[in-house]
Amino acid sequence: MTKPTFFLTRSVKLYLTLLILSTGLIIYGTLFPENHNIQKINFLNDKFVHFLMFLVWTFFYGIFRFMKKNYSLLPIFITGSLFGITIEVLQYFLPTNRHAELLDIGADLLGTGLAVVLLYVLLKKVPDFKIKPT
């Protein structure tokens, strides 16, 4: 096993930290009041940001689960999807000048889905992920 592979497959604290940071960034970026002094991003960029946020979050969540010897991909997809849907529902109900959009949910689900595909490939191509973490 090469040193980078060893580090990537053994660092539970790293993935937990990245998961917590990405969760905080998603919550801040989607649920805190919108700053009208900042130029709004266009429609496609907004959807791409949603896609990217949930791809990254789901990937970190999946790797963290792998470190804990939970290799099932369906719960990862369900959790990422529910997180995205919950964000949009909260945007609808919270008085933050944010607007819930079905297309945002779609972008979140696409990002989550791609992350699950990447995790599947990792499980198949990097067998070190199935070694007991230290």
Foldseek 3Di string as FASTA:
>chain_A
DDPVLLCLLACLVVLVVQLVVLVVVCCCVQPAADDPVDDDDDDVVLLQVLLQSLLSNLLSVQLNVLQVVNNDLVVSLVVQLVVQVVSLVNQPVDPRPGHRDPSSSVSSSNSSVVSSVVSVVCVVPPVSSNDHHD
